[in-house]
Structure formats: C-alpha cells, structure tokens
Amino acid sequence: MTIVLPITLTIAGAAALINGWIGYRVSQLRHRYNILIGDGGNAALTARMRAHSNFVEHAPFFLILLGLVEAAEGSQNWLWVVAALFVVARILHVFGMDGTRNVRLRVVGIVLSQLALLALALYALAIPYLHKSAKETITYARASTLSATNGLVRRS
C-alpha cells in the first residue's frame, strides 16, 4: 500500500491533536473561573483563547500549502523539516501566550511559524516556473475541430 502525501497526513494529524490540546487548555480556565461564554474579563483566558484562535488561523494555510507542494514535488526531506519546525513553533507560541514570563517563546513561535509558511508559499509560487518546459505552448484548434474544450487544445 502506498501512502499518499505522508508528510501532510502526519502533520494534519499532529495539528488536529494540537488543536484539541489548546482547546482543552481554554476549557480548563473556563471551568476554574466558571466562565461559560466569552472571556469574562479574565486576561489568562483571553490569552489562551487567542492562542487557540491564532493556531486555527495559521494551521489551515500551512497544511494546504504543505499538501500542494508535496503533491507537486513528492515527499522530500526538507518538507519534513519545515513541517516539524511549524509544529514545534506552534507549540512554543501556545506556551508563550501564558503570561509575561514566556514572551520569548511566543516570539520564537511566531517567527518560526511565519518563516515556515513563507518558505512553503515562495516555493509554491516557484514550482510552476521551475518545471516549465520550453516546448509547452498553447495552440488554438481550427473551427472545424472544436470540442468541449471551447477551442483551446494544449499540445506538447
């Protein structure tokens, strides 16, 4: 059996577990301070809620880019490194959001997350141009040979 997109599959599973863990951390404070809705003006709960929201804001873009790059280029070692870096960065960010003592962890988490996302984004933008063939052109078919492609036929 061949596993399709093993890096993306692994990191998506890790991201789901991290998301659940962050949500659990939010619910711990909700229970401790008896806050059912919102943050109740509790700074610690606000910080954990933001850590959770921040993860949910960043993880999908990373996973989509990771999957598309892996599908286009195959499972390469550098993708494992970037993906692991992203996971570690997001965990550091969560701990960095807990109080003022851990601000360094938050900064490191933010910087590493952004670098991982930027690396994938730039590589994704470059892929079509790295593999563009000089012979590949688009030609138009004669009217008598039009098909469901509306006259556009790609020939190599």
Protein backbone atom coordinates (compact mmCIF):
# COMPACT_ATOMS: atom_id res chain seq x y z
CA MET A 1 0.00 0.00 0.00
CA THR A 2 1.31 3.41 -0.97
CA ILE A 3 0.52 6.26 1.38
CA VAL A 4 -0.37 9.44 -0.46
CA LEU A 5 1.06 12.67 0.99
CA PRO A 6 2.59 11.08 4.10
CA ILE A 7 4.08 14.36 5.36
CA THR A 8 0.79 16.23 5.07
CA LEU A 9 -1.09 13.32 6.61
CA THR A 10 1.27 13.22 9.58
CA ILE A 11 1.27 16.97 10.16
CA ALA A 12 -2.51 17.24 9.74
CA GLY A 13 -2.92 14.59 12.43
CA ALA A 14 -0.47 16.45 14.68
CA ALA A 15 -2.30 19.72 14.03
CA ALA A 16 -5.63 18.15 14.99
CA LEU A 17 -4.13 16.89 18.26
CA ILE A 18 -2.56 20.27 19.00
CA ASN A 19 -5.87 22.00 18.28
CA GLY A 20 -7.63 19.68 20.74
CA TRP A 21 -4.93 20.25 23.36
CA ILE A 22 -5.17 24.04 23.03
CA GLY A 23 -8.96 23.84 23.27
CA TYR A 24 -8.60 21.73 26.41
CA ARG A 25 -6.33 24.38 27.93
CA VAL A 26 -9.03 27.00 27.25
CA SER A 27 -11.72 24.84 28.84
CA GLN A 28 -9.56 24.28 31.93
CA LEU A 29 -9.59 28.01 32.66
CA ARG A 30 -13.28 28.29 31.79
CA HIS A 31 -14.02 25.62 34.39
CA ARG A 32 -11.63 27.05 37.01
CA TYR A 33 -13.12 30.56 36.78
CA ASN A 34 -16.69 29.47 35.93
CA ILE A 35 -16.78 31.42 32.64
CA LEU A 36 -19.10 29.82 30.13
CA ILE A 37 -19.18 32.44 27.36
CA GLY A 38 -16.56 34.96 26.29
CA ASP A 39 -13.54 35.69 28.44
CA GLY A 40 -15.28 37.20 31.48
CA GLY A 41 -12.57 39.87 31.61
CA ASN A 42 -10.01 37.24 32.60
CA ALA A 43 -6.65 38.05 30.97
CA ALA A 44 -5.35 34.48 31.21
CA LEU A 45 -8.45 33.12 29.48
CA THR A 46 -8.22 35.81 26.80
CA ALA A 47 -4.60 34.82 26.12
CA ARG A 48 -5.45 31.12 25.81
CA MET A 49 -8.41 31.89 23.58
CA ARG A 50 -6.15 33.98 21.34
CA ALA A 51 -3.55 31.20 21.25
CA HIS A 52 -6.29 28.83 20.10
CA SER A 53 -7.64 31.28 17.52
CA ASN A 54 -4.15 32.03 16.27
CA PHE A 55 -3.49 28.34 15.72
CA VAL A 56 -6.75 27.95 13.83
CA GLU A 57 -5.86 30.98 11.71
CA HIS A 58 -2.42 29.70 10.70
CA ALA A 59 -2.61 25.90 10.52
CA PRO A 60 -5.01 25.63 7.54
CA PHE A 61 -2.85 27.78 5.26
CA PHE A 62 0.23 25.80 6.22
CA LEU A 63 -1.48 22.43 5.70
CA ILE A 64 -2.91 23.44 2.33
CA LEU A 65 0.47 24.67 1.10
CA LEU A 66 2.22 21.62 2.52
CA GLY A 67 -0.18 19.27 0.75
CA LEU A 68 0.04 21.08 -2.57
CA VAL A 69 3.84 21.29 -2.51
CA GLU A 70 4.10 17.63 -1.50
CA ALA A 71 1.68 16.64 -4.27
CA ALA A 72 3.67 18.63 -6.83
CA GLU A 73 7.18 17.71 -5.71
CA GLY A 74 6.86 14.48 -3.76
CA SER A 75 7.80 13.77 -0.17
CA GLN A 76 11.16 15.40 0.30
CA ASN A 77 13.25 15.59 3.46
CA TRP A 78 13.21 19.38 3.56
CA LEU A 79 9.39 19.26 3.72
CA TRP A 80 9.64 17.07 6.85
CA VAL A 81 11.98 19.64 8.39
CA VAL A 82 9.72 22.61 7.57
CA ALA A 83 6.64 20.73 8.79
CA ALA A 84 8.28 19.70 12.07
CA LEU A 85 9.52 23.25 12.55
CA PHE A 86 5.96 24.53 12.13
CA VAL A 87 4.60 22.07 14.72
CA VAL A 88 7.29 22.99 17.26
CA ALA A 89 6.76 26.70 16.55
CA ARG A 90 3.02 26.47 17.18
CA ILE A 91 3.59 24.67 20.50
CA LEU A 92 6.12 27.31 21.55
CA HIS A 93 3.59 30.00 20.68
CA VAL A 94 0.95 28.40 22.90
CA PHE A 95 3.29 28.37 25.90
CA GLY A 96 4.44 31.89 25.05
CA MET A 97 0.89 33.16 25.37
CA ASP A 98 0.75 32.08 29.03
CA GLY A 99 1.75 35.18 30.99
CA THR A 100 4.53 37.68 30.59
CA ARG A 101 7.37 35.35 31.65
CA ASN A 102 7.22 33.39 28.40
CA VAL A 103 7.23 36.21 25.86
CA ARG A 104 10.39 34.83 24.23
CA LEU A 105 8.64 31.55 23.47
CA ARG A 106 5.82 33.47 21.81
CA VAL A 107 8.21 35.50 19.67
CA VAL A 108 10.21 32.42 18.64
CA GLY A 109 6.96 30.60 17.84
CA ILE A 110 5.69 33.48 15.73
CA VAL A 111 8.95 33.92 13.83
CA LEU A 112 9.42 30.21 13.11
CA SER A 113 5.77 29.80 12.07
CA GLN A 114 6.00 32.71 9.68
CA LEU A 115 9.30 31.51 8.22
CA ALA A 116 7.87 28.03 7.61
CA LEU A 117 4.77 29.48 5.99
CA LEU A 118 6.83 31.90 3.90
CA ALA A 119 9.16 29.11 2.72
CA LEU A 120 6.23 27.00 1.52
CA ALA A 121 4.45 29.96 -0.05
CA LEU A 122 7.50 31.07 -2.01
CA TYR A 123 8.28 27.53 -3.13
CA ALA A 124 4.64 27.00 -4.17
CA LEU A 125 4.84 30.16 -6.27
CA ALA A 126 8.09 28.98 -7.87
CA ILE A 127 7.05 25.39 -8.71
CA PRO A 128 5.22 26.17 -11.97
CA TYR A 129 8.20 28.13 -13.25
CA LEU A 130 10.84 25.66 -12.11
CA HIS A 131 9.25 22.92 -14.21
CA LYS A 132 8.05 24.92 -17.19
CA SER A 133 9.04 23.26 -20.43
CA ALA A 134 10.25 25.43 -23.30
CA LYS A 135 8.28 23.23 -25.73
CA GLU A 136 5.00 23.60 -23.87
CA THR A 137 2.72 26.04 -25.69
CA ILE A 138 -0.95 26.67 -26.09
CA THR A 139 -2.31 26.43 -29.60
CA TYR A 140 -5.76 27.04 -30.94
CA ALA A 141 -7.69 24.42 -32.91
CA ARG A 142 -9.40 25.12 -36.19
CA ALA A 143 -13.09 25.83 -36.01
CA SER A 144 -13.88 22.50 -37.69
CA THR A 145 -12.20 20.58 -34.85
CA LEU A 146 -13.74 22.39 -31.87
CA SER A 147 -14.54 20.20 -28.92
CA ALA A 148 -15.76 20.56 -25.35
CA THR A 149 -12.55 22.48 -24.63
CA ASN A 150 -14.00 25.56 -26.38
CA GLY A 151 -11.27 25.55 -28.99
CA LEU A 152 -8.34 25.52 -26.62
CA VAL A 153 -6.14 22.49 -27.06
CA ARG A 154 -2.92 22.01 -25.14
CA ARG A 155 -0.20 20.37 -27.17
CA SER A 156 3.28 19.39 -26.06
